[in-house]
Amino acid sequence: MQGSLSVLTFFMFLLVVPRLYDPLQGALQNLAAVISTRTNIARMNEILDHPIQQGSDRLSNQGYTHMVKLQTESQSWKLE
């Protein structure tokens, strides 16, 4: 019978195929992790390449201002 498949052969196929594709899936996950790591390393290197900011360790402000703007559908308030 050409083009037919026995039940035993079909079940064997279902048992063998995941064993073939699991290592491939693991390798692709590792590749994705490596690509993600390269992006993170590039970002960290960009931060480290900037010069160190110079400044004082003394705080010189005399006060502060805090502004909050609340909005609703019909009204808006501004608190200072």
PDB file of N, CA and C in Angstrom:
ATOM      1  N   MET A   1       0.839  -1.178   0.000  1.00  0.00           N
ATOM      2  CA  MET A   1       0.000   0.000   0.000  1.00  0.00           C
ATOM      3  C   MET A   1       0.885   1.243   0.000  1.00  0.00           C
ATOM      4  N   GLN A   2       0.985   1.873  -1.099  1.00  0.00           N
ATOM      5  CA  GLN A   2       1.818   3.047  -1.234  1.00  0.00           C
ATOM      6  C   GLN A   2       1.080   4.271  -0.693  1.00  0.00           C
ATOM      7  N   GLY A   3       1.805   5.097   0.085  1.00  0.00           N
ATOM      8  CA  GLY A   3       1.196   6.293   0.653  1.00  0.00           C
ATOM      9  C   GLY A   3       0.489   6.051   1.973  1.00  0.00           C
ATOM     10  N   SER A   4       0.587   4.874   2.514  1.00  0.00           N
ATOM     11  CA  SER A   4      -0.073   4.602   3.795  1.00  0.00           C
ATOM     12  C   SER A   4       0.982   4.515   4.892  1.00  0.00           C
ATOM     13  N   LEU A   5       0.519   4.618   6.118  1.00  0.00           N
ATOM     14  CA  LEU A   5       1.402   4.638   7.270  1.00  0.00           C
ATOM     15  C   LEU A   5       0.751   3.811   8.369  1.00  0.00           C
ATOM     16  N   SER A   6       1.525   2.921   8.942  1.00  0.00           N
ATOM     17  CA  SER A   6       0.950   2.098  10.009  1.00  0.00           C
ATOM     18  C   SER A   6       0.887   2.910  11.311  1.00  0.00           C
ATOM     19  N   VAL A   7       0.047   2.491  12.218  1.00  0.00           N
ATOM     20  CA  VAL A   7      -0.118   3.184  13.488  1.00  0.00           C
ATOM     21  C   VAL A   7       1.183   3.137  14.294  1.00  0.00           C
ATOM     22  N   LEU A   8       1.869   2.002  14.285  1.00  0.00           N
ATOM     23  CA  LEU A   8       3.127   1.880  15.018  1.00  0.00           C
ATOM     24  C   LEU A   8       4.178   2.837  14.460  1.00  0.00           C
ATOM     25  N   THR A   9       4.276   2.935  13.151  1.00  0.00           N
ATOM     26  CA  THR A   9       5.246   3.849  12.536  1.00  0.00           C
ATOM     27  C   THR A   9       4.909   5.300  12.880  1.00  0.00           C
ATOM     28  N   PHE A  10       3.634   5.632  12.896  1.00  0.00           N
ATOM     29  CA  PHE A  10       3.218   6.992  13.228  1.00  0.00           C
ATOM     30  C   PHE A  10       3.589   7.340  14.672  1.00  0.00           C
ATOM     31  N   PHE A  11       3.336   6.426  15.608  1.00  0.00           N
ATOM     32  CA  PHE A  11       3.694   6.678  17.001  1.00  0.00           C
ATOM     33  C   PHE A  11       5.201   6.751  17.190  1.00  0.00           C
ATOM     34  N   MET A  12       5.951   5.956  16.466  1.00  0.00           N
ATOM     35  CA  MET A  12       7.410   6.040  16.535  1.00  0.00           C
ATOM     36  C   MET A  12       7.895   7.398  16.027  1.00  0.00           C
ATOM     37  N   PHE A  13       7.251   7.880  14.957  1.00  0.00           N
ATOM     38  CA  PHE A  13       7.584   9.203  14.430  1.00  0.00           C
ATOM     39  C   PHE A  13       7.318  10.272  15.488  1.00  0.00           C
ATOM     40  N   LEU A  14       6.180  10.167  16.169  1.00  0.00           N
ATOM     41  CA  LEU A  14       5.852  11.147  17.203  1.00  0.00           C
ATOM     42  C   LEU A  14       6.817  11.084  18.383  1.00  0.00           C
ATOM     43  N   LEU A  15       7.406   9.942  18.647  1.00  0.00           N
ATOM     44  CA  LEU A  15       8.381   9.836  19.732  1.00  0.00           C
ATOM     45  C   LEU A  15       9.758  10.349  19.337  1.00  0.00           C
ATOM     46  N   VAL A  16      10.135  10.173  18.085  1.00  0.00           N
ATOM     47  CA  VAL A  16      11.486  10.513  17.642  1.00  0.00           C
ATOM     48  C   VAL A  16      11.632  11.998  17.287  1.00  0.00           C
ATOM     49  N   VAL A  17      10.626  12.589  16.696  1.00  0.00           N
ATOM     50  CA  VAL A  17      10.743  13.969  16.213  1.00  0.00           C
ATOM     51  C   VAL A  17      11.077  14.957  17.336  1.00  0.00           C
ATOM     52  N   PRO A  18      10.416  14.914  18.504  1.00  0.00           N
ATOM     53  CA  PRO A  18      10.816  15.868  19.562  1.00  0.00           C
ATOM     54  C   PRO A  18      12.263  15.698  20.002  1.00  0.00           C
ATOM     55  N   ARG A  19      12.779  14.496  19.957  1.00  0.00           N
ATOM     56  CA  ARG A  19      14.180  14.295  20.343  1.00  0.00           C
ATOM     57  C   ARG A  19      15.135  14.907  19.328  1.00  0.00           C
ATOM     58  N   LEU A  20      14.690  15.062  18.099  1.00  0.00           N
ATOM     59  CA  LEU A  20      15.523  15.704  17.091  1.00  0.00           C
ATOM     60  C   LEU A  20      15.457  17.227  17.186  1.00  0.00           C
ATOM     61  N   TYR A  21      14.286  17.769  17.512  1.00  0.00           N
ATOM     62  CA  TYR A  21      14.109  19.216  17.506  1.00  0.00           C
ATOM     63  C   TYR A  21      14.437  19.884  18.841  1.00  0.00           C
ATOM     64  N   ASP A  22      14.457  19.163  19.940  1.00  0.00           N
ATOM     65  CA  ASP A  22      14.778  19.769  21.230  1.00  0.00           C
ATOM     66  C   ASP A  22      16.184  20.372  21.264  1.00  0.00           C
ATOM     67  N   PRO A  23      17.221  19.683  20.789  1.00  0.00           N
ATOM     68  CA  PRO A  23      18.549  20.325  20.781  1.00  0.00           C
ATOM     69  C   PRO A  23      18.596  21.563  19.885  1.00  0.00           C
ATOM     70  N   LEU A  24      17.897  21.531  18.779  1.00  0.00           N
ATOM     71  CA  LEU A  24      17.860  22.696  17.890  1.00  0.00           C
ATOM     72  C   LEU A  24      17.181  23.870  18.582  1.00  0.00           C
ATOM     73  N   GLN A  25      16.098  23.596  19.287  1.00  0.00           N
ATOM     74  CA  GLN A  25      15.405  24.661  20.005  1.00  0.00           C
ATOM     75  C   GLN A  25      16.297  25.239  21.108  1.00  0.00           C
ATOM     76  N   GLY A  26      17.011  24.390  21.816  1.00  0.00           N
ATOM     77  CA  GLY A  26      17.938  24.865  22.841  1.00  0.00           C
ATOM     78  C   GLY A  26      19.040  25.723  22.258  1.00  0.00           C
ATOM     79  N   ALA A  27      19.563  25.327  21.106  1.00  0.00           N
ATOM     80  CA  ALA A  27      20.612  26.112  20.456  1.00  0.00           C
ATOM     81  C   ALA A  27      20.086  27.478  20.024  1.00  0.00           C
ATOM     82  N   LEU A  28      18.866  27.528  19.531  1.00  0.00           N
ATOM     83  CA  LEU A  28      18.287  28.810  19.113  1.00  0.00           C
ATOM     84  C   LEU A  28      18.017  29.707  20.315  1.00  0.00           C
ATOM     85  N   GLN A  29      17.637  29.135  21.443  1.00  0.00           N
ATOM     86  CA  GLN A  29      17.455  29.940  22.652  1.00  0.00           C
ATOM     87  C   GLN A  29      18.788  30.511  23.120  1.00  0.00           C
ATOM     88  N   ASN A  30      19.844  29.716  23.043  1.00  0.00           N
ATOM     89  CA  ASN A  30      21.170  30.214  23.418  1.00  0.00           C
ATOM     90  C   ASN A  30      21.632  31.318  22.475  1.00  0.00           C
ATOM     91  N   LEU A  31      21.328  31.186  21.198  1.00  0.00           N
ATOM     92  CA  LEU A  31      21.687  32.227  20.238  1.00  0.00           C
ATOM     93  C   LEU A  31      20.951  33.524  20.551  1.00  0.00           C
ATOM     94  N   ALA A  32      19.685  33.422  20.896  1.00  0.00           N
ATOM     95  CA  ALA A  32      18.927  34.626  21.264  1.00  0.00           C
ATOM     96  C   ALA A  32      19.512  35.275  22.509  1.00  0.00           C
ATOM     97  N   ALA A  33      19.955  34.482  23.471  1.00  0.00           N
ATOM     98  CA  ALA A  33      20.562  35.030  24.683  1.00  0.00           C
ATOM     99  C   ALA A  33      21.879  35.731  24.360  1.00  0.00           C
ATOM    100  N   VAL A  34      22.663  35.170  23.455  1.00  0.00           N
ATOM    101  CA  VAL A  34      23.936  35.796  23.065  1.00  0.00           C
ATOM    102  C   VAL A  34      23.679  37.123  22.369  1.00  0.00           C
ATOM    103  N   ILE A  35      22.699  37.174  21.487  1.00  0.00           N
ATOM    104  CA  ILE A  35      22.380  38.420  20.788  1.00  0.00           C
ATOM    105  C   ILE A  35      21.909  39.473  21.780  1.00  0.00           C
ATOM    106  N   SER A  36      21.084  39.069  22.734  1.00  0.00           N
ATOM    107  CA  SER A  36      20.610  40.006  23.758  1.00  0.00           C
ATOM    108  C   SER A  36      21.767  40.505  24.613  1.00  0.00           C
ATOM    109  N   THR A  37      22.685  39.635  24.934  1.00  0.00           N
ATOM    110  CA  THR A  37      23.845  40.027  25.739  1.00  0.00           C
ATOM    111  C   THR A  37      24.722  41.015  24.988  1.00  0.00           C
ATOM    112  N   ARG A  38      24.874  40.825  23.697  1.00  0.00           N
ATOM    113  CA  ARG A  38      25.682  41.759  22.905  1.00  0.00           C
ATOM    114  C   ARG A  38      25.079  43.152  22.940  1.00  0.00           C
ATOM    115  N   THR A  39      23.757  43.240  22.887  1.00  0.00           N
ATOM    116  CA  THR A  39      23.096  44.537  22.958  1.00  0.00           C
ATOM    117  C   THR A  39      23.328  45.186  24.316  1.00  0.00           C
ATOM    118  N   ASN A  40      23.199  44.406  25.386  1.00  0.00           N
ATOM    119  CA  ASN A  40      23.419  44.950  26.726  1.00  0.00           C
ATOM    120  C   ASN A  40      24.859  45.400  26.915  1.00  0.00           C
ATOM    121  N   ILE A  41      25.803  44.643  26.393  1.00  0.00           N
ATOM    122  CA  ILE A  41      27.212  45.017  26.508  1.00  0.00           C
ATOM    123  C   ILE A  41      27.489  46.303  25.737  1.00  0.00           C
ATOM    124  N   ALA A  42      26.886  46.453  24.581  1.00  0.00           N
ATOM    125  CA  ALA A  42      27.073  47.685  23.806  1.00  0.00           C
ATOM    126  C   ALA A  42      26.533  48.891  24.571  1.00  0.00           C
ATOM    127  N   ARG A  43      25.408  48.729  25.237  1.00  0.00           N
ATOM    128  CA  ARG A  43      24.859  49.831  26.031  1.00  0.00           C
ATOM    129  C   ARG A  43      25.775  50.171  27.201  1.00  0.00           C
ATOM    130  N   MET A  44      26.280  49.169  27.894  1.00  0.00           N
ATOM    131  CA  MET A  44      27.175  49.428  29.025  1.00  0.00           C
ATOM    132  C   MET A  44      28.466  50.080  28.564  1.00  0.00           C
ATOM    133  N   ASN A  45      28.998  49.643  27.430  1.00  0.00           N
ATOM    134  CA  ASN A  45      30.224  50.263  26.910  1.00  0.00           C
ATOM    135  C   ASN A  45      29.989  51.714  26.532  1.00  0.00           C
ATOM    136  N   GLU A  46      28.811  52.015  26.011  1.00  0.00           N
ATOM    137  CA  GLU A  46      28.505  53.404  25.671  1.00  0.00           C
ATOM    138  C   GLU A  46      28.475  54.270  26.934  1.00  0.00           C
ATOM    139  N   ILE A  47      27.923  53.735  28.012  1.00  0.00           N
ATOM    140  CA  ILE A  47      27.910  54.479  29.271  1.00  0.00           C
ATOM    141  C   ILE A  47      29.327  54.660  29.799  1.00  0.00           C
ATOM    142  N   LEU A  48      30.135  53.616  29.744  1.00  0.00           N
ATOM    143  CA  LEU A  48      31.491  53.695  30.278  1.00  0.00           C
ATOM    144  C   LEU A  48      32.411  54.571  29.439  1.00  0.00           C
ATOM    145  N   ASP A  49      32.081  54.770  28.156  1.00  0.00           N
ATOM    146  CA  ASP A  49      32.921  55.596  27.289  1.00  0.00           C
ATOM    147  C   ASP A  49      32.740  57.091  27.532  1.00  0.00           C
ATOM    148  N   HIS A  50      31.667  57.486  28.191  1.00  0.00           N
ATOM    149  CA  HIS A  50      31.466  58.906  28.471  1.00  0.00           C
ATOM    150  C   HIS A  50      32.426  59.348  29.571  1.00  0.00           C
ATOM    151  N   PRO A  51      32.864  60.597  29.503  1.00  0.00           N
ATOM    152  CA  PRO A  51      33.775  61.089  30.547  1.00  0.00           C
ATOM    153  C   PRO A  51      33.045  61.208  31.888  1.00  0.00           C
ATOM    154  N   ILE A  52      33.810  61.108  32.951  1.00  0.00           N
ATOM    155  CA  ILE A  52      33.252  61.246  34.292  1.00  0.00           C
ATOM    156  C   ILE A  52      32.900  62.705  34.522  1.00  0.00           C
ATOM    157  N   GLN A  53      31.693  62.935  34.994  1.00  0.00           N
ATOM    158  CA  GLN A  53      31.272  64.313  35.232  1.00  0.00           C
ATOM    159  C   GLN A  53      31.972  64.868  36.462  1.00  0.00           C
ATOM    160  N   GLN A  54      32.399  66.110  36.324  1.00  0.00           N
ATOM    161  CA  GLN A  54      33.066  66.796  37.422  1.00  0.00           C
ATOM    162  C   GLN A  54      32.039  67.678  38.123  1.00  0.00           C
ATOM    163  N   GLY A  55      32.222  67.879  39.397  1.00  0.00           N
ATOM    164  CA  GLY A  55      31.309  68.741  40.127  1.00  0.00           C
ATOM    165  C   GLY A  55      31.655  68.773  41.589  1.00  0.00           C
ATOM    166  N   SER A  56      30.783  69.378  42.330  1.00  0.00           N
ATOM    167  CA  SER A  56      30.999  69.546  43.763  1.00  0.00           C
ATOM    168  C   SER A  56      30.183  68.517  44.526  1.00  0.00           C
ATOM    169  N   ASP A  57      30.643  68.188  45.710  1.00  0.00           N
ATOM    170  CA  ASP A  57      29.886  67.279  46.548  1.00  0.00           C
ATOM    171  C   ASP A  57      29.043  68.041  47.565  1.00  0.00           C
ATOM    172  N   ARG A  58      28.910  69.346  47.377  1.00  0.00           N
ATOM    173  CA  ARG A  58      28.121  70.196  48.269  1.00  0.00           C
ATOM    174  C   ARG A  58      26.787  70.532  47.600  1.00  0.00           C
ATOM    175  N   LEU A  59      25.730  70.498  48.370  1.00  0.00           N
ATOM    176  CA  LEU A  59      24.399  70.860  47.882  1.00  0.00           C
ATOM    177  C   LEU A  59      24.176  72.332  48.163  1.00  0.00           C
ATOM    178  N   SER A  60      23.850  73.118  47.123  1.00  0.00           N
ATOM    179  CA  SER A  60      23.781  74.567  47.289  1.00  0.00           C
ATOM    180  C   SER A  60      22.380  75.143  47.059  1.00  0.00           C
ATOM    181  N   ASN A  61      21.377  74.342  46.939  1.00  0.00           N
ATOM    182  CA  ASN A  61      20.059  74.923  46.719  1.00  0.00           C
ATOM    183  C   ASN A  61      19.493  75.471  48.027  1.00  0.00           C
ATOM    184  N   GLN A  62      18.672  76.515  47.913  1.00  0.00           N
ATOM    185  CA  GLN A  62      18.110  77.174  49.089  1.00  0.00           C
ATOM    186  C   GLN A  62      16.664  76.774  49.333  1.00  0.00           C
ATOM    187  N   GLY A  63      16.040  76.117  48.439  1.00  0.00           N
ATOM    188  CA  GLY A  63      14.641  75.709  48.562  1.00  0.00           C
ATOM    189  C   GLY A  63      14.292  74.786  47.413  1.00  0.00           C
ATOM    190  N   TYR A  64      13.034  74.550  47.282  1.00  0.00           N
ATOM    191  CA  TYR A  64      12.617  73.705  46.171  1.00  0.00           C
ATOM    192  C   TYR A  64      11.229  74.113  45.727  1.00  0.00           C
ATOM    193  N   THR A  65      10.876  73.745  44.549  1.00  0.00           N
ATOM    194  CA  THR A  65       9.548  73.992  44.001  1.00  0.00           C
ATOM    195  C   THR A  65       8.996  72.659  43.536  1.00  0.00           C
ATOM    196  N   HIS A  66       7.777  72.425  43.891  1.00  0.00           N
ATOM    197  CA  HIS A  66       7.121  71.182  43.469  1.00  0.00           C
ATOM    198  C   HIS A  66       5.824  71.566  42.791  1.00  0.00           C
ATOM    199  N   MET A  67       5.651  71.176  41.553  1.00  0.00           N
ATOM    200  CA  MET A  67       4.461  71.523  40.805  1.00  0.00           C
ATOM    201  C   MET A  67       3.758  70.237  40.385  1.00  0.00           C
ATOM    202  N   VAL A  68       2.463  70.170  40.679  1.00  0.00           N
ATOM    203  CA  VAL A  68       1.651  69.026  40.298  1.00  0.00           C
ATOM    204  C   VAL A  68       0.473  69.558  39.519  1.00  0.00           C
ATOM    205  N   LYS A  69       0.180  68.954  38.400  1.00  0.00           N
ATOM    206  CA  LYS A  69      -0.959  69.370  37.599  1.00  0.00           C
ATOM    207  C   LYS A  69      -1.935  68.207  37.544  1.00  0.00           C
ATOM    208  N   LEU A  70      -3.118  68.425  38.087  1.00  0.00           N
ATOM    209  CA  LEU A  70      -4.160  67.414  38.097  1.00  0.00           C
ATOM    210  C   LEU A  70      -5.188  67.747  37.032  1.00  0.00           C
ATOM    211  N   GLN A  71      -5.621  66.758  36.293  1.00  0.00           N
ATOM    212  CA  GLN A  71      -6.616  66.997  35.260  1.00  0.00           C
ATOM    213  C   GLN A  71      -7.743  65.998  35.394  1.00  0.00           C
ATOM    214  N   THR A  72      -8.946  66.510  35.199  1.00  0.00           N
ATOM    215  CA  THR A  72     -10.117  65.644  35.095  1.00  0.00           C
ATOM    216  C   THR A  72     -10.775  65.951  33.767  1.00  0.00           C
ATOM    217  N   GLU A  73     -11.933  65.392  33.554  1.00  0.00           N
ATOM    218  CA  GLU A  73     -12.610  65.616  32.274  1.00  0.00           C
ATOM    219  C   GLU A  73     -13.058  67.061  32.108  1.00  0.00           C
ATOM    220  N   SER A  74     -13.507  67.698  33.185  1.00  0.00           N
ATOM    221  CA  SER A  74     -14.078  69.013  33.041  1.00  0.00           C
ATOM    222  C   SER A  74     -13.221  70.131  33.651  1.00  0.00           C
ATOM    223  N   GLN A  75     -12.304  69.812  34.549  1.00  0.00           N
ATOM    224  CA  GLN A  75     -11.539  70.834  35.236  1.00  0.00           C
ATOM    225  C   GLN A  75     -10.065  70.462  35.287  1.00  0.00           C
ATOM    226  N   SER A  76      -9.254  71.467  35.482  1.00  0.00           N
ATOM    227  CA  SER A  76      -7.837  71.201  35.726  1.00  0.00           C
ATOM    228  C   SER A  76      -7.382  72.119  36.854  1.00  0.00           C
ATOM    229  N   TRP A  77      -6.550  71.613  37.741  1.00  0.00           N
ATOM    230  CA  TRP A  77      -6.022  72.363  38.861  1.00  0.00           C
ATOM    231  C   TRP A  77      -4.519  72.389  38.768  1.00  0.00           C
ATOM    232  N   LYS A  78      -3.945  73.437  39.258  1.00  0.00           N
ATOM    233  CA  LYS A  78      -2.489  73.536  39.295  1.00  0.00           C
ATOM    234  C   LYS A  78      -2.094  73.867  40.732  1.00  0.00           C
ATOM    235  N   LEU A  79      -1.305  72.993  41.345  1.00  0.00           N
ATOM    236  CA  LEU A  79      -0.854  73.191  42.713  1.00  0.00           C
ATOM    237  C   LEU A  79       0.616  73.530  42.687  1.00  0.00           C
ATOM    238  N   GLU A  80       0.983  74.540  43.444  1.00  0.00           N
ATOM    239  CA  GLU A  80       2.406  74.903  43.523  1.00  0.00           C
ATOM    240  C   GLU A  80       2.837  74.905  44.954  1.00  0.00           C
TER     241      GLU A  80
END
